[in-house]
Amino acid sequence: DERRQLHQWQLWLFLEHAAEAQQHLLSESERRLCCDAMHDTRVRVSALQRSVSAALAAIRFGFEEEYVKPRTGHSLDLALPSS
């Protein structure tokens, strides 16, 4: 859990404060461990998420559940990755 939180903090720091973030970023190997922890997180889909997914699928084709953003490693409940 700590590594996932560190990954989120490192990502926020990089995206929001890119110029001055370099001095605060973890080493590349530590960042990789944190990112891997984010990817290894077990996902639990709720009944509400299933319901929303079904409603969106009825409106438009192409939504993906639990889409993982390649750049950040974050999982989105629902996404239109081709958009």
Protein backbone atom coordinates (compact mmCIF):
# COMPACT_ATOMS: atom_id res chain seq x y z
CA ASP A 1 0.00 0.00 0.00
CA GLU A 2 2.84 2.39 0.83
CA ARG A 3 4.46 1.93 -2.59
CA ARG A 4 1.16 2.63 -4.36
CA GLN A 5 0.81 5.84 -2.39
CA LEU A 6 4.41 6.79 -3.16
CA HIS A 7 3.71 6.17 -6.85
CA GLN A 8 0.72 8.50 -6.74
CA TRP A 9 2.73 11.17 -4.96
CA GLN A 10 5.64 10.87 -7.38
CA LEU A 11 3.26 11.12 -10.33
CA TRP A 12 1.53 14.19 -8.86
CA LEU A 13 4.90 15.80 -8.17
CA PHE A 14 6.09 15.14 -11.71
CA LEU A 15 2.88 16.30 -13.42
CA GLU A 16 2.26 19.37 -11.27
CA HIS A 17 5.81 20.52 -10.57
CA ALA A 18 7.90 19.07 -13.38
CA ALA A 19 10.65 21.70 -13.37
CA GLU A 20 11.40 21.55 -9.67
CA ALA A 21 10.31 17.92 -9.14
CA GLN A 22 13.55 16.29 -10.32
CA GLN A 23 15.31 16.93 -7.03
CA HIS A 24 12.53 15.17 -5.08
CA LEU A 25 11.94 12.14 -7.29
CA LEU A 26 12.93 8.71 -6.08
CA SER A 27 15.61 6.78 -7.93
CA GLU A 28 14.56 5.05 -11.16
CA SER A 29 14.64 1.61 -9.48
CA GLU A 30 12.48 2.82 -6.57
CA ARG A 31 10.01 4.47 -8.96
CA ARG A 32 9.77 1.19 -10.89
CA LEU A 33 8.97 -0.73 -7.68
CA CYS A 34 6.26 1.80 -6.83
CA CYS A 35 4.79 1.66 -10.33
CA ASP A 36 4.83 -2.15 -10.27
CA ALA A 37 2.96 -2.06 -6.96
CA MET A 38 0.31 0.10 -8.62
CA HIS A 39 -0.04 -2.40 -11.47
CA ASP A 40 -0.26 -5.35 -9.06
CA THR A 41 -3.22 -3.88 -7.21
CA ARG A 42 -6.20 -6.20 -7.18
CA VAL A 43 -9.29 -4.58 -8.66
CA ARG A 44 -12.77 -5.01 -7.20
CA VAL A 45 -15.61 -4.00 -9.49
CA SER A 46 -18.69 -2.80 -7.62
CA ALA A 47 -22.30 -3.43 -8.57
CA LEU A 48 -22.66 0.31 -9.24
CA GLN A 49 -19.70 0.22 -11.64
CA ARG A 50 -21.22 -2.74 -13.48
CA SER A 51 -24.52 -0.87 -13.74
CA VAL A 52 -22.87 2.29 -15.06
CA SER A 53 -20.84 0.22 -17.51
CA ALA A 54 -23.97 -1.45 -18.85
CA ALA A 55 -25.74 1.90 -19.23
CA LEU A 56 -22.78 3.43 -21.09
CA ALA A 57 -22.45 0.36 -23.33
CA ALA A 58 -26.09 0.82 -24.34
CA ILE A 59 -25.30 4.39 -25.42
CA ARG A 60 -21.90 3.99 -27.03
CA PHE A 61 -19.62 1.12 -27.99
CA GLY A 62 -15.97 1.03 -26.95
CA PHE A 63 -15.85 1.64 -23.22
CA GLU A 64 -13.22 -0.42 -21.44
CA GLU A 65 -13.53 -1.37 -17.80
CA GLU A 66 -10.47 -1.07 -15.58
CA TYR A 67 -8.43 0.59 -18.30
CA VAL A 68 -4.82 1.09 -17.19
CA LYS A 69 -3.25 4.28 -18.46
CA PRO A 70 0.11 3.27 -19.92
CA ARG A 71 1.92 6.45 -18.90
CA THR A 72 0.82 6.59 -15.28
CA GLY A 73 -0.23 3.06 -14.34
CA HIS A 74 -3.54 4.33 -12.97
CA SER A 75 -6.61 2.20 -13.47
CA LEU A 76 -9.74 4.00 -14.63
CA ASP A 77 -13.08 2.37 -13.87
CA LEU A 78 -14.31 3.12 -17.40
CA ALA A 79 -12.57 4.76 -20.32
CA LEU A 80 -12.74 5.37 -24.05
CA PRO A 81 -9.03 4.77 -24.70
CA SER A 82 -9.24 5.47 -28.43
CA SER A 83 -10.64 8.97 -27.79
